[in-house]
PDB file of N, CA and C in Angstrom:
ATOM      1  N   MET A   1     149.395   4.702  28.204  1.00  0.00           N
ATOM      2  CA  MET A   1     150.063   3.961  29.419  1.00  0.00           C
ATOM      3  C   MET A   1     149.659   2.229  28.848  1.00  0.00           C
ATOM      4  N   THR A   2     150.612   1.249  29.018  1.00  0.00           N
ATOM      5  CA  THR A   2     150.643   0.315  28.401  1.00  0.00           C
ATOM      6  C   THR A   2     151.270  -0.387  29.711  1.00  0.00           C
ATOM      7  N   LEU A   3     150.206  -1.081  30.651  1.00  0.00           N
ATOM      8  CA  LEU A   3     151.203  -2.007  31.486  1.00  0.00           C
ATOM      9  C   LEU A   3     151.488  -3.406  30.870  1.00  0.00           C
ATOM     10  N   GLU A   4     152.736  -3.933  31.213  1.00  0.00           N
ATOM     11  CA  GLU A   4     152.682  -5.493  31.313  1.00  0.00           C
ATOM     12  C   GLU A   4     152.278  -6.501  32.280  1.00  0.00           C
ATOM     13  N   PHE A   5     151.580  -7.350  32.498  1.00  0.00           N
ATOM     14  CA  PHE A   5     150.905  -8.488  33.625  1.00  0.00           C
ATOM     15  C   PHE A   5     152.477  -8.953  33.495  1.00  0.00           C
ATOM     16  N   LYS A   6     153.204  -9.523  34.755  1.00  0.00           N
ATOM     17  CA  LYS A   6     154.027 -10.042  35.069  1.00  0.00           C
ATOM     18  C   LYS A   6     153.603 -11.059  36.012  1.00  0.00           C
ATOM     19  N   GLY A   7     152.421 -11.008  36.744  1.00  0.00           N
ATOM     20  CA  GLY A   7     152.145 -12.226  37.714  1.00  0.00           C
ATOM     21  C   GLY A   7     151.293 -11.863  38.573  1.00  0.00           C
ATOM     22  N   VAL A   8     150.607 -12.899  39.178  1.00  0.00           N
ATOM     23  CA  VAL A   8     149.379 -12.613  40.283  1.00  0.00           C
ATOM     24  C   VAL A   8     150.328 -13.421  41.677  1.00  0.00           C
ATOM     25  N   GLY A   9     150.289 -12.928  42.963  1.00  0.00           N
ATOM     26  CA  GLY A   9     150.080 -13.814  44.268  1.00  0.00           C
ATOM     27  C   GLY A   9     149.353 -13.346  45.054  1.00  0.00           C
ATOM     28  N   GLY A  10     149.583 -13.144  46.201  1.00  0.00           N
ATOM     29  CA  GLY A  10     148.465 -13.016  47.302  1.00  0.00           C
ATOM     30  C   GLY A  10     148.569 -14.100  48.385  1.00  0.00           C
ATOM     31  N   ASP A  11     147.397 -13.576  49.382  1.00  0.00           N
ATOM     32  CA  ASP A  11     147.074 -14.532  50.341  1.00  0.00           C
ATOM     33  C   ASP A  11     145.745 -14.255  51.019  1.00  0.00           C
ATOM     34  N   LYS A  12     145.211 -14.650  52.280  1.00  0.00           N
ATOM     35  CA  LYS A  12     143.899 -14.273  52.501  1.00  0.00           C
ATOM     36  C   LYS A  12     143.804 -12.586  52.852  1.00  0.00           C
ATOM     37  N   ARG A  13     144.778 -12.210  52.567  1.00  0.00           N
ATOM     38  CA  ARG A  13     144.547 -10.691  52.672  1.00  0.00           C
ATOM     39  C   ARG A  13     144.226 -10.232  51.355  1.00  0.00           C
ATOM     40  N   GLY A  14     144.106 -11.043  50.260  1.00  0.00           N
ATOM     41  CA  GLY A  14     143.752 -10.066  48.891  1.00  0.00           C
ATOM     42  C   GLY A  14     145.208 -10.772  48.084  1.00  0.00           C
ATOM     43  N   LYS A  15     144.606 -10.182  47.111  1.00  0.00           N
ATOM     44  CA  LYS A  15     145.385 -10.887  45.593  1.00  0.00           C
ATOM     45  C   LYS A  15     146.679  -9.447  45.561  1.00  0.00           C
ATOM     46  N   ILE A  16     147.790  -9.847  44.713  1.00  0.00           N
ATOM     47  CA  ILE A  16     148.707  -8.993  44.016  1.00  0.00           C
ATOM     48  C   ILE A  16     148.865  -9.322  42.940  1.00  0.00           C
ATOM     49  N   PHE A  17     148.791  -7.937  41.893  1.00  0.00           N
ATOM     50  CA  PHE A  17     149.239  -8.267  40.557  1.00  0.00           C
ATOM     51  C   PHE A  17     150.351  -7.583  40.292  1.00  0.00           C
ATOM     52  N   PHE A  18     151.230  -7.983  39.557  1.00  0.00           N
ATOM     53  CA  PHE A  18     152.696  -7.588  39.370  1.00  0.00           C
ATOM     54  C   PHE A  18     152.435  -7.052  37.935  1.00  0.00           C
ATOM     55  N   CYS A  19     153.171  -5.923  37.810  1.00  0.00           N
ATOM     56  CA  CYS A  19     153.047  -4.979  36.173  1.00  0.00           C
ATOM     57  C   CYS A  19     154.356  -4.558  35.992  1.00  0.00           C
ATOM     58  N   THR A  20     154.969  -4.174  34.985  1.00  0.00           N
ATOM     59  CA  THR A  20     155.620  -3.264  34.570  1.00  0.00           C
ATOM     60  C   THR A  20     155.058  -2.223  33.853  1.00  0.00           C
ATOM     61  N   HIS A  21     155.732  -1.045  33.328  1.00  0.00           N
ATOM     62  CA  HIS A  21     155.876  -0.017  32.349  1.00  0.00           C
ATOM     63  C   HIS A  21     156.808   0.601  32.099  1.00  0.00           C
ATOM     64  N   ASN A  22     157.614   0.153  30.797  1.00  0.00           N
ATOM     65  CA  ASN A  22     158.754   0.638  30.721  1.00  0.00           C
ATOM     66  C   ASN A  22     159.806   0.342  31.710  1.00  0.00           C
ATOM     67  N   ASN A  23     160.389   1.052  32.628  1.00  0.00           N
ATOM     68  CA  ASN A  23     161.491   0.488  33.437  1.00  0.00           C
ATOM     69  C   ASN A  23     160.938   0.766  35.019  1.00  0.00           C
ATOM     70  N   SER A  24     159.611   1.143  34.915  1.00  0.00           N
ATOM     71  CA  SER A  24     159.000   1.002  36.204  1.00  0.00           C
ATOM     72  C   SER A  24     157.970  -0.247  36.532  1.00  0.00           C
ATOM     73  N   LYS A  25     157.968  -0.128  37.851  1.00  0.00           N
ATOM     74  CA  LYS A  25     157.024  -1.372  38.421  1.00  0.00           C
ATOM     75  C   LYS A  25     156.123  -0.731  38.609  1.00  0.00           C
ATOM     76  N   VAL A  26     154.789  -1.145  38.688  1.00  0.00           N
ATOM     77  CA  VAL A  26     153.622  -0.873  38.599  1.00  0.00           C
ATOM     78  C   VAL A  26     152.656  -1.851  39.535  1.00  0.00           C
ATOM     79  N   ASN A  27     152.624  -2.124  40.692  1.00  0.00           N
ATOM     80  CA  ASN A  27     151.813  -3.152  41.217  1.00  0.00           C
ATOM     81  C   ASN A  27     150.580  -2.767  41.960  1.00  0.00           C
ATOM     82  N   LEU A  28     149.417  -3.774  42.088  1.00  0.00           N
ATOM     83  CA  LEU A  28     147.962  -3.585  42.300  1.00  0.00           C
ATOM     84  C   LEU A  28     147.639  -4.474  43.758  1.00  0.00           C
ATOM     85  N   PHE A  29     147.297  -3.904  44.368  1.00  0.00           N
ATOM     86  CA  PHE A  29     147.182  -4.453  45.924  1.00  0.00           C
ATOM     87  C   PHE A  29     145.361  -4.891  46.027  1.00  0.00           C
ATOM     88  N   GLU A  30     144.956  -5.967  46.644  1.00  0.00           N
ATOM     89  CA  GLU A  30     143.803  -5.746  47.334  1.00  0.00           C
ATOM     90  C   GLU A  30     144.283  -6.189  48.698  1.00  0.00           C
ATOM     91  N   ILE A  31     143.306  -5.351  49.997  1.00  0.00           N
ATOM     92  CA  ILE A  31     143.605  -5.360  50.903  1.00  0.00           C
ATOM     93  C   ILE A  31     142.270  -5.742  51.691  1.00  0.00           C
ATOM     94  N   LYS A  32     142.052  -6.827  52.171  1.00  0.00           N
ATOM     95  CA  LYS A  32     140.406  -6.933  52.537  1.00  0.00           C
ATOM     96  C   LYS A  32     140.548  -6.259  54.234  1.00  0.00           C
ATOM     97  N   LYS A  33     139.020  -6.169  54.704  1.00  0.00           N
ATOM     98  CA  LYS A  33     138.779  -5.262  55.749  1.00  0.00           C
ATOM     99  C   LYS A  33     139.357  -5.745  56.964  1.00  0.00           C
ATOM    100  N   GLY A  34     140.159  -5.447  57.508  1.00  0.00           N
ATOM    101  CA  GLY A  34     140.656  -5.889  59.039  1.00  0.00           C
ATOM    102  C   GLY A  34     142.143  -6.541  59.009  1.00  0.00           C
ATOM    103  N   PHE A  35     142.825  -6.497  57.830  1.00  0.00           N
ATOM    104  CA  PHE A  35     144.096  -6.796  57.313  1.00  0.00           C
ATOM    105  C   PHE A  35     144.997  -6.131  57.333  1.00  0.00           C
ATOM    106  N   ALA A  36     146.167  -6.219  57.238  1.00  0.00           N
ATOM    107  CA  ALA A  36     147.315  -5.120  56.688  1.00  0.00           C
ATOM    108  C   ALA A  36     148.305  -5.878  55.945  1.00  0.00           C
ATOM    109  N   ARG A  37     149.235  -4.762  55.511  1.00  0.00           N
ATOM    110  CA  ARG A  37     149.972  -4.954  54.590  1.00  0.00           C
ATOM    111  C   ARG A  37     151.128  -3.831  55.034  1.00  0.00           C
ATOM    112  N   GLY A  38     152.415  -4.642  54.635  1.00  0.00           N
ATOM    113  CA  GLY A  38     153.495  -3.356  54.854  1.00  0.00           C
ATOM    114  C   GLY A  38     154.209  -4.325  55.670  1.00  0.00           C
ATOM    115  N   GLY A  39     154.618  -3.368  56.522  1.00  0.00           N
ATOM    116  CA  GLY A  39     155.441  -3.956  57.969  1.00  0.00           C
ATOM    117  C   GLY A  39     157.324  -3.766  57.560  1.00  0.00           C
ATOM    118  N   HIS A  40     157.446  -2.989  56.451  1.00  0.00           N
ATOM    119  CA  HIS A  40     158.584  -2.921  56.116  1.00  0.00           C
ATOM    120  C   HIS A  40     159.007  -1.373  55.794  1.00  0.00           C
ATOM    121  N   TYR A  41     160.135  -1.097  55.260  1.00  0.00           N
ATOM    122  CA  TYR A  41     160.591   0.031  54.628  1.00  0.00           C
ATOM    123  C   TYR A  41     161.509  -0.410  53.327  1.00  0.00           C
ATOM    124  N   HIS A  42     161.674   0.755  52.477  1.00  0.00           N
ATOM    125  CA  HIS A  42     162.635   0.923  51.465  1.00  0.00           C
ATOM    126  C   HIS A  42     163.575   1.666  51.433  1.00  0.00           C
ATOM    127  N   ASP A  43     164.818   1.739  50.432  1.00  0.00           N
ATOM    128  CA  ASP A  43     165.981   2.905  50.759  1.00  0.00           C
ATOM    129  C   ASP A  43     165.962   3.573  49.585  1.00  0.00           C
ATOM    130  N   TYR A  44     164.459   3.575  48.918  1.00  0.00           N
ATOM    131  CA  TYR A  44     164.123   4.597  48.146  1.00  0.00           C
ATOM    132  C   TYR A  44     162.511   4.892  47.839  1.00  0.00           C
ATOM    133  N   ASP A  45     162.482   6.309  47.377  1.00  0.00           N
ATOM    134  CA  ASP A  45     161.173   6.650  48.040  1.00  0.00           C
ATOM    135  C   ASP A  45     160.063   5.781  47.193  1.00  0.00           C
ATOM    136  N   ILE A  46     158.678   5.552  47.322  1.00  0.00           N
ATOM    137  CA  ILE A  46     157.633   4.851  47.091  1.00  0.00           C
ATOM    138  C   ILE A  46     156.335   5.574  47.116  1.00  0.00           C
ATOM    139  N   VAL A  47     155.415   5.171  46.024  1.00  0.00           N
ATOM    140  CA  VAL A  47     154.609   5.756  45.589  1.00  0.00           C
ATOM    141  C   VAL A  47     152.935   5.151  45.845  1.00  0.00           C
ATOM    142  N   HIS A  48     152.078   5.229  46.727  1.00  0.00           N
ATOM    143  CA  HIS A  48     150.883   4.457  46.817  1.00  0.00           C
ATOM    144  C   HIS A  48     149.697   5.253  46.383  1.00  0.00           C
ATOM    145  N   THR A  49     148.905   4.691  45.718  1.00  0.00           N
ATOM    146  CA  THR A  49     147.857   5.225  45.252  1.00  0.00           C
ATOM    147  C   THR A  49     146.734   4.467  45.893  1.00  0.00           C
ATOM    148  N   LEU A  50     145.734   5.127  46.430  1.00  0.00           N
ATOM    149  CA  LEU A  50     144.686   4.470  47.261  1.00  0.00           C
ATOM    150  C   LEU A  50     143.455   4.591  46.227  1.00  0.00           C
ATOM    151  N   LEU A  51     143.405   3.413  45.825  1.00  0.00           N
ATOM    152  CA  LEU A  51     142.237   3.571  44.539  1.00  0.00           C
ATOM    153  C   LEU A  51     140.644   3.547  44.840  1.00  0.00           C
ATOM    154  N   THR A  52     140.587   2.362  45.883  1.00  0.00           N
ATOM    155  CA  THR A  52     139.236   2.302  46.493  1.00  0.00           C
ATOM    156  C   THR A  52     139.352   2.071  48.144  1.00  0.00           C
ATOM    157  N   GLY A  53     138.139   2.271  48.746  1.00  0.00           N
ATOM    158  CA  GLY A  53     138.126   1.910  50.174  1.00  0.00           C
ATOM    159  C   GLY A  53     138.759   2.802  51.112  1.00  0.00           C
ATOM    160  N   LYS A  54     139.044   2.744  52.425  1.00  0.00           N
ATOM    161  CA  LYS A  54     139.227   3.269  53.332  1.00  0.00           C
ATOM    162  C   LYS A  54     140.412   2.384  54.080  1.00  0.00           C
ATOM    163  N   ILE A  55     141.703   3.278  54.502  1.00  0.00           N
ATOM    164  CA  ILE A  55     142.773   2.625  55.340  1.00  0.00           C
ATOM    165  C   ILE A  55     143.288   3.416  56.427  1.00  0.00           C
ATOM    166  N   GLU A  56     143.912   2.610  57.549  1.00  0.00           N
ATOM    167  CA  GLU A  56     144.509   3.566  58.402  1.00  0.00           C
ATOM    168  C   GLU A  56     146.196   3.549  58.057  1.00  0.00           C
ATOM    169  N   HIS A  57     146.674   4.491  57.823  1.00  0.00           N
ATOM    170  CA  HIS A  57     148.483   4.594  57.035  1.00  0.00           C
ATOM    171  C   HIS A  57     149.309   4.857  58.205  1.00  0.00           C
ATOM    172  N   TYR A  58     150.237   3.908  58.941  1.00  0.00           N
ATOM    173  CA  TYR A  58     151.191   4.423  59.600  1.00  0.00           C
ATOM    174  C   TYR A  58     152.429   4.623  58.908  1.00  0.00           C
ATOM    175  N   ILE A  59     153.198   5.743  59.162  1.00  0.00           N
ATOM    176  CA  ILE A  59     154.535   5.878  58.780  1.00  0.00           C
ATOM    177  C   ILE A  59     155.525   6.105  60.183  1.00  0.00           C
ATOM    178  N   GLU A  60     156.896   5.560  59.747  1.00  0.00           N
ATOM    179  CA  GLU A  60     157.310   5.963  60.626  1.00  0.00           C
ATOM    180  C   GLU A  60     158.829   6.238  60.212  1.00  0.00           C
ATOM    181  N   ASP A  61     159.595   7.506  60.011  1.00  0.00           N
ATOM    182  CA  ASP A  61     161.196   7.273  60.019  1.00  0.00           C
ATOM    183  C   ASP A  61     161.812   6.938  60.639  1.00  0.00           C
ATOM    184  N   ILE A  62     162.378   5.887  60.492  1.00  0.00           N
ATOM    185  CA  ILE A  62     163.239   4.894  61.215  1.00  0.00           C
ATOM    186  C   ILE A  62     164.460   5.255  61.786  1.00  0.00           C
ATOM    187  N   GLN A  63     164.927   6.679  61.390  1.00  0.00           N
ATOM    188  CA  GLN A  63     166.079   7.453  62.153  1.00  0.00           C
ATOM    189  C   GLN A  63     165.728   7.999  63.498  1.00  0.00           C
ATOM    190  N   THR A  64     164.457   8.866  62.867  1.00  0.00           N
ATOM    191  CA  THR A  64     163.884   9.693  64.111  1.00  0.00           C
ATOM    192  C   THR A  64     162.965   9.004  65.291  1.00  0.00           C
ATOM    193  N   LYS A  65     162.730   8.207  64.347  1.00  0.00           N
ATOM    194  CA  LYS A  65     161.420   7.285  65.014  1.00  0.00           C
ATOM    195  C   LYS A  65     159.931   8.324  65.289  1.00  0.00           C
ATOM    196  N   LYS A  66     159.973   9.485  64.365  1.00  0.00           N
ATOM    197  CA  LYS A  66     158.774  10.084  64.354  1.00  0.00           C
ATOM    198  C   LYS A  66     157.737   9.407  63.532  1.00  0.00           C
ATOM    199  N   GLU A  67     156.602   9.166  63.839  1.00  0.00           N
ATOM    200  CA  GLU A  67     155.125   8.192  63.345  1.00  0.00           C
ATOM    201  C   GLU A  67     154.331   9.329  63.226  1.00  0.00           C
ATOM    202  N   GLU A  68     153.805   9.115  62.295  1.00  0.00           N
ATOM    203  CA  GLU A  68     152.291   9.784  61.695  1.00  0.00           C
ATOM    204  C   GLU A  68     151.412   8.586  61.617  1.00  0.00           C
ATOM    205  N   ILE A  69     150.037   8.618  62.023  1.00  0.00           N
ATOM    206  CA  ILE A  69     148.994   8.044  61.484  1.00  0.00           C
ATOM    207  C   ILE A  69     147.927   8.547  60.957  1.00  0.00           C
ATOM    208  N   THR A  70     147.311   8.289  59.839  1.00  0.00           N
ATOM    209  CA  THR A  70     146.198   9.012  59.173  1.00  0.00           C
ATOM    210  C   THR A  70     145.339   7.846  58.826  1.00  0.00           C
ATOM    211  N   VAL A  71     143.920   8.462  58.820  1.00  0.00           N
ATOM    212  CA  VAL A  71     142.871   7.720  58.059  1.00  0.00           C
ATOM    213  C   VAL A  71     142.500   8.210  56.903  1.00  0.00           C
ATOM    214  N   MET A  72     142.636   7.487  55.737  1.00  0.00           N
ATOM    215  CA  MET A  72     142.605   7.781  54.419  1.00  0.00           C
ATOM    216  C   MET A  72     141.256   7.160  53.689  1.00  0.00           C
ATOM    217  N   ALA A  73     140.627   7.894  52.762  1.00  0.00           N
ATOM    218  CA  ALA A  73     139.566   7.139  52.217  1.00  0.00           C
ATOM    219  C   ALA A  73     140.098   7.708  50.503  1.00  0.00           C
ATOM    220  N   ALA A  74     139.840   6.735  49.797  1.00  0.00           N
ATOM    221  CA  ALA A  74     140.094   7.023  48.330  1.00  0.00           C
ATOM    222  C   ALA A  74     139.210   8.128  47.296  1.00  0.00           C
ATOM    223  N   PRO A  75     139.748   8.366  46.642  1.00  0.00           N
ATOM    224  CA  PRO A  75     141.180   8.489  45.996  1.00  0.00           C
ATOM    225  C   PRO A  75     142.352   9.172  47.100  1.00  0.00           C
ATOM    226  N   ALA A  76     143.301   8.548  46.978  1.00  0.00           N
ATOM    227  CA  ALA A  76     144.364   9.409  47.883  1.00  0.00           C
ATOM    228  C   ALA A  76     145.928   8.826  47.451  1.00  0.00           C
ATOM    229  N   ILE A  77     146.476   9.894  47.589  1.00  0.00           N
ATOM    230  CA  ILE A  77     148.188   9.661  47.473  1.00  0.00           C
ATOM    231  C   ILE A  77     148.760   9.386  48.563  1.00  0.00           C
ATOM    232  N   LEU A  78     149.831   8.172  48.593  1.00  0.00           N
ATOM    233  CA  LEU A  78     150.274   8.134  49.848  1.00  0.00           C
ATOM    234  C   LEU A  78     152.303   8.037  49.377  1.00  0.00           C
ATOM    235  N   LYS A  79     152.773   9.250  49.731  1.00  0.00           N
ATOM    236  CA  LYS A  79     154.192   9.223  49.530  1.00  0.00           C
ATOM    237  C   LYS A  79     155.001   8.618  50.427  1.00  0.00           C
ATOM    238  N   ILE A  80     156.040   7.681  50.159  1.00  0.00           N
ATOM    239  CA  ILE A  80     156.569   7.310  51.189  1.00  0.00           C
ATOM    240  C   ILE A  80     157.786   7.287  50.998  1.00  0.00           C
ATOM    241  N   PRO A  81     158.640   8.234  51.583  1.00  0.00           N
ATOM    242  CA  PRO A  81     160.140   8.842  51.544  1.00  0.00           C
ATOM    243  C   PRO A  81     160.894   7.178  51.934  1.00  0.00           C
ATOM    244  N   ALA A  82     161.672   7.363  51.392  1.00  0.00           N
ATOM    245  CA  ALA A  82     162.997   6.117  51.687  1.00  0.00           C
ATOM    246  C   ALA A  82     163.468   6.124  53.229  1.00  0.00           C
ATOM    247  N   ASN A  83     163.414   5.050  53.706  1.00  0.00           N
ATOM    248  CA  ASN A  83     163.539   4.860  54.965  1.00  0.00           C
ATOM    249  C   ASN A  83     162.740   4.780  55.827  1.00  0.00           C
ATOM    250  N   SER A  84     161.690   5.036  55.320  1.00  0.00           N
ATOM    251  CA  SER A  84     160.333   5.227  56.213  1.00  0.00           C
ATOM    252  C   SER A  84     159.437   4.207  56.176  1.00  0.00           C
ATOM    253  N   ALA A  85     159.225   3.307  57.579  1.00  0.00           N
ATOM    254  CA  ALA A  85     158.168   2.252  57.937  1.00  0.00           C
ATOM    255  C   ALA A  85     157.005   2.878  57.389  1.00  0.00           C
ATOM    256  N   ASN A  86     156.438   1.411  56.808  1.00  0.00           N
ATOM    257  CA  ASN A  86     155.022   1.984  56.339  1.00  0.00           C
ATOM    258  C   ASN A  86     154.119   0.857  56.479  1.00  0.00           C
ATOM    259  N   LEU A  87     152.890   0.954  57.389  1.00  0.00           N
ATOM    260  CA  LEU A  87     151.954  -0.197  57.391  1.00  0.00           C
ATOM    261  C   LEU A  87     150.648   0.308  57.057  1.00  0.00           C
ATOM    262  N   ILE A  88     149.837  -0.583  56.317  1.00  0.00           N
ATOM    263  CA  ILE A  88     148.484  -0.026  55.868  1.00  0.00           C
ATOM    264  C   ILE A  88     147.360  -1.345  56.492  1.00  0.00           C
ATOM    265  N   ILE A  89     146.590  -0.546  57.390  1.00  0.00           N
ATOM    266  CA  ILE A  89     145.254  -1.232  57.959  1.00  0.00           C
ATOM    267  C   ILE A  89     144.274  -0.961  57.154  1.00  0.00           C
ATOM    268  N   ALA A  90     143.671  -2.396  56.361  1.00  0.00           N
ATOM    269  CA  ALA A  90     142.246  -1.761  55.819  1.00  0.00           C
ATOM    270  C   ALA A  90     140.884  -1.543  56.896  1.00  0.00           C
ATOM    271  N   LEU A  91     140.220  -0.447  56.907  1.00  0.00           N
ATOM    272  CA  LEU A  91     139.371  -0.473  57.590  1.00  0.00           C
ATOM    273  C   LEU A  91     137.684  -0.656  56.671  1.00  0.00           C
ATOM    274  N   GLU A  92     137.877  -0.613  55.472  1.00  0.00           N
ATOM    275  CA  GLU A  92     137.109  -1.171  54.580  1.00  0.00           C
ATOM    276  C   GLU A  92     138.118  -2.029  53.514  1.00  0.00           C
ATOM    277  N   ASP A  93     137.674  -3.262  52.899  1.00  0.00           N
ATOM    278  CA  ASP A  93     137.924  -3.683  51.675  1.00  0.00           C
ATOM    279  C   ASP A  93     138.648  -2.310  50.606  1.00  0.00           C
ATOM    280  N   SER A  94     139.790  -2.780  50.301  1.00  0.00           N
ATOM    281  CA  SER A  94     140.576  -1.598  49.598  1.00  0.00           C
ATOM    282  C   SER A  94     141.525  -2.169  48.392  1.00  0.00           C
ATOM    283  N   VAL A  95     141.561  -1.260  47.550  1.00  0.00           N
ATOM    284  CA  VAL A  95     142.894  -1.821  46.586  1.00  0.00           C
ATOM    285  C   VAL A  95     143.739   0.019  46.428  1.00  0.00           C
ATOM    286  N   PHE A  96     145.089  -0.406  46.122  1.00  0.00           N
ATOM    287  CA  PHE A  96     145.729   0.375  45.886  1.00  0.00           C
ATOM    288  C   PHE A  96     147.090  -0.092  45.079  1.00  0.00           C
ATOM    289  N   THR A  97     147.782   0.750  44.424  1.00  0.00           N
ATOM    290  CA  THR A  97     148.765   0.536  43.565  1.00  0.00           C
ATOM    291  C   THR A  97     150.161   1.077  44.288  1.00  0.00           C
ATOM    292  N   GLU A  98     151.248   0.214  44.063  1.00  0.00           N
ATOM    293  CA  GLU A  98     152.889   1.290  44.410  1.00  0.00           C
ATOM    294  C   GLU A  98     153.246   1.502  43.111  1.00  0.00           C
ATOM    295  N   ALA A  99     153.886   2.382  43.389  1.00  0.00           N
ATOM    296  CA  ALA A  99     154.886   2.564  41.693  1.00  0.00           C
ATOM    297  C   ALA A  99     156.141   3.085  42.338  1.00  0.00           C
ATOM    298  N   PHE A 100     157.174   2.357  41.531  1.00  0.00           N
ATOM    299  CA  PHE A 100     158.562   2.301  41.673  1.00  0.00           C
ATOM    300  C   PHE A 100     159.380   2.312  40.858  1.00  0.00           C
ATOM    301  N   ASP A 101     161.057   3.025  40.540  1.00  0.00           N
ATOM    302  CA  ASP A 101     161.878   2.882  39.479  1.00  0.00           C
ATOM    303  C   ASP A 101     163.090   2.193  39.511  1.00  0.00           C
ATOM    304  N   THR A 102     162.883   0.988  40.675  1.00  0.00           N
ATOM    305  CA  THR A 102     164.159   0.381  40.693  1.00  0.00           C
ATOM    306  C   THR A 102     163.785  -0.912  41.521  1.00  0.00           C
ATOM    307  N   GLU A 103     164.785  -1.834  41.217  1.00  0.00           N
ATOM    308  CA  GLU A 103     164.593  -3.154  41.442  1.00  0.00           C
ATOM    309  C   GLU A 103     163.706  -3.106  43.111  1.00  0.00           C
ATOM    310  N   TYR A 104     163.067  -3.904  43.264  1.00  0.00           N
ATOM    311  CA  TYR A 104     162.504  -4.266  44.526  1.00  0.00           C
ATOM    312  C   TYR A 104     163.097  -4.646  45.814  1.00  0.00           C
ATOM    313  N   LYS A 105     163.428  -3.780  46.730  1.00  0.00           N
ATOM    314  CA  LYS A 105     164.246  -4.431  47.944  1.00  0.00           C
ATOM    315  C   LYS A 105     163.515  -3.974  49.296  1.00  0.00           C
ATOM    316  N   SER A 106     163.242  -4.510  50.103  1.00  0.00           N
ATOM    317  CA  SER A 106     162.464  -3.750  51.459  1.00  0.00           C
ATOM    318  C   SER A 106     163.402  -4.805  52.443  1.00  0.00           C
ATOM    319  N   PHE A 107     163.001  -3.718  53.829  1.00  0.00           N
ATOM    320  CA  PHE A 107     163.827  -4.375  54.993  1.00  0.00           C
ATOM    321  C   PHE A 107     162.762  -4.279  56.019  1.00  0.00           C
ATOM    322  N   VAL A 108     162.360  -5.192  57.004  1.00  0.00           N
ATOM    323  CA  VAL A 108     161.400  -5.722  57.758  1.00  0.00           C
ATOM    324  C   VAL A 108     161.484  -4.915  59.087  1.00  0.00           C
ATOM    325  N   TYR A 109     160.567  -4.163  59.036  1.00  0.00           N
ATOM    326  CA  TYR A 109     160.429  -3.498  60.388  1.00  0.00           C
ATOM    327  C   TYR A 109     159.600  -3.914  61.716  1.00  0.00           C
ATOM    328  N   ASP A 110     160.265  -4.708  62.508  1.00  0.00           N
ATOM    329  CA  ASP A 110     159.424  -5.242  63.342  1.00  0.00           C
ATOM    330  C   ASP A 110     158.274  -4.945  63.902  1.00  0.00           C
ATOM    331  N   LYS A 111     158.043  -3.451  64.519  1.00  0.00           N
ATOM    332  CA  LYS A 111     157.036  -2.898  65.149  1.00  0.00           C
ATOM    333  C   LYS A 111     156.082  -2.849  64.195  1.00  0.00           C
ATOM    334  N   TYR A 112     155.958  -2.988  63.127  1.00  0.00           N
ATOM    335  CA  TYR A 112     154.883  -2.990  61.840  1.00  0.00           C
ATOM    336  C   TYR A 112     154.374  -4.351  61.454  1.00  0.00           C
ATOM    337  N   ARG A 113     155.974  -5.004  61.311  1.00  0.00           N
ATOM    338  CA  ARG A 113     155.604  -6.140  60.675  1.00  0.00           C
ATOM    339  C   ARG A 113     154.778  -7.325  61.757  1.00  0.00           C
ATOM    340  N   LYS A 114     155.051  -7.265  62.997  1.00  0.00           N
ATOM    341  CA  LYS A 114     154.223  -7.943  63.914  1.00  0.00           C
ATOM    342  C   LYS A 114     152.667  -7.776  63.892  1.00  0.00           C
ATOM    343  N   ILE A 115     152.017  -6.457  63.254  1.00  0.00           N
ATOM    344  CA  ILE A 115     151.173  -6.233  63.623  1.00  0.00           C
ATOM    345  C   ILE A 115     150.027  -6.835  62.163  1.00  0.00           C
ATOM    346  N   VAL A 116     150.811  -6.817  61.101  1.00  0.00           N
ATOM    347  CA  VAL A 116     150.678  -7.235  59.898  1.00  0.00           C
ATOM    348  C   VAL A 116     150.551  -8.975  60.318  1.00  0.00           C
ATOM    349  N   LEU A 117     151.287  -9.611  60.757  1.00  0.00           N
ATOM    350  CA  LEU A 117     151.052 -11.084  60.787  1.00  0.00           C
ATOM    351  C   LEU A 117     150.040 -11.094  62.337  1.00  0.00           C
ATOM    352  N   GLN A 118     150.181 -10.499  63.314  1.00  0.00           N
ATOM    353  CA  GLN A 118     149.036 -10.658  63.861  1.00  0.00           C
ATOM    354  C   GLN A 118     147.524 -10.567  62.995  1.00  0.00           C
ATOM    355  N   LYS A 119     147.308  -9.917  62.719  1.00  0.00           N
ATOM    356  CA  LYS A 119     146.246  -9.526  61.692  1.00  0.00           C
ATOM    357  C   LYS A 119     145.829 -10.635  60.641  1.00  0.00           C
ATOM    358  N   ILE A 120     147.034 -11.175  60.286  1.00  0.00           N
ATOM    359  CA  ILE A 120     146.654 -12.517  59.644  1.00  0.00           C
ATOM    360  C   ILE A 120     146.230 -13.546  59.964  1.00  0.00           C
ATOM    361  N   ASP A 121     146.715 -14.032  61.579  1.00  0.00           N
ATOM    362  CA  ASP A 121     146.315 -15.001  62.379  1.00  0.00           C
ATOM    363  C   ASP A 121     145.112 -14.297  62.813  1.00  0.00           C
ATOM    364  N   ASP A 122     144.320 -13.114  63.192  1.00  0.00           N
ATOM    365  CA  ASP A 122     143.152 -12.707  63.872  1.00  0.00           C
ATOM    366  C   ASP A 122     142.182 -12.856  62.996  1.00  0.00           C
ATOM    367  N   VAL A 123     142.168 -12.466  62.078  1.00  0.00           N
ATOM    368  CA  VAL A 123     141.093 -12.184  60.984  1.00  0.00           C
ATOM    369  C   VAL A 123     140.560 -13.376  59.992  1.00  0.00           C
ATOM    370  N   GLN A 124     139.873 -13.493  60.415  1.00  0.00           N
ATOM    371  CA  GLN A 124     138.891 -14.898  59.835  1.00  0.00           C
ATOM    372  C   GLN A 124     138.502 -14.429  58.370  1.00  0.00           C
TER     373      GLN A 124
END
């Protein structure tokens, strides 16, 4: 498998490396201990692979409001169905990938996004 590097971004939470493979997007995320990523949902399925570290993973079905919270250590696979809000809080410095086969589109989920923003403000 050959990944084509498309660019890099990020903030004080860590870097994001944007890549493609054929028609798929494969992105690599760093997330430093104490920070959060996510706070949104997609209208398509997405898969995250936790490569290193330990996280607390929140997932909530936006229709039923059923929420699951799981502590996970690498290696782990996080399958996130369409229309499920997602939040990842790093319990240790962590690295994960996301993979999907469509154009990226997300919708803010205020309940989780507030946590992401608060942790950006709180963590030094």
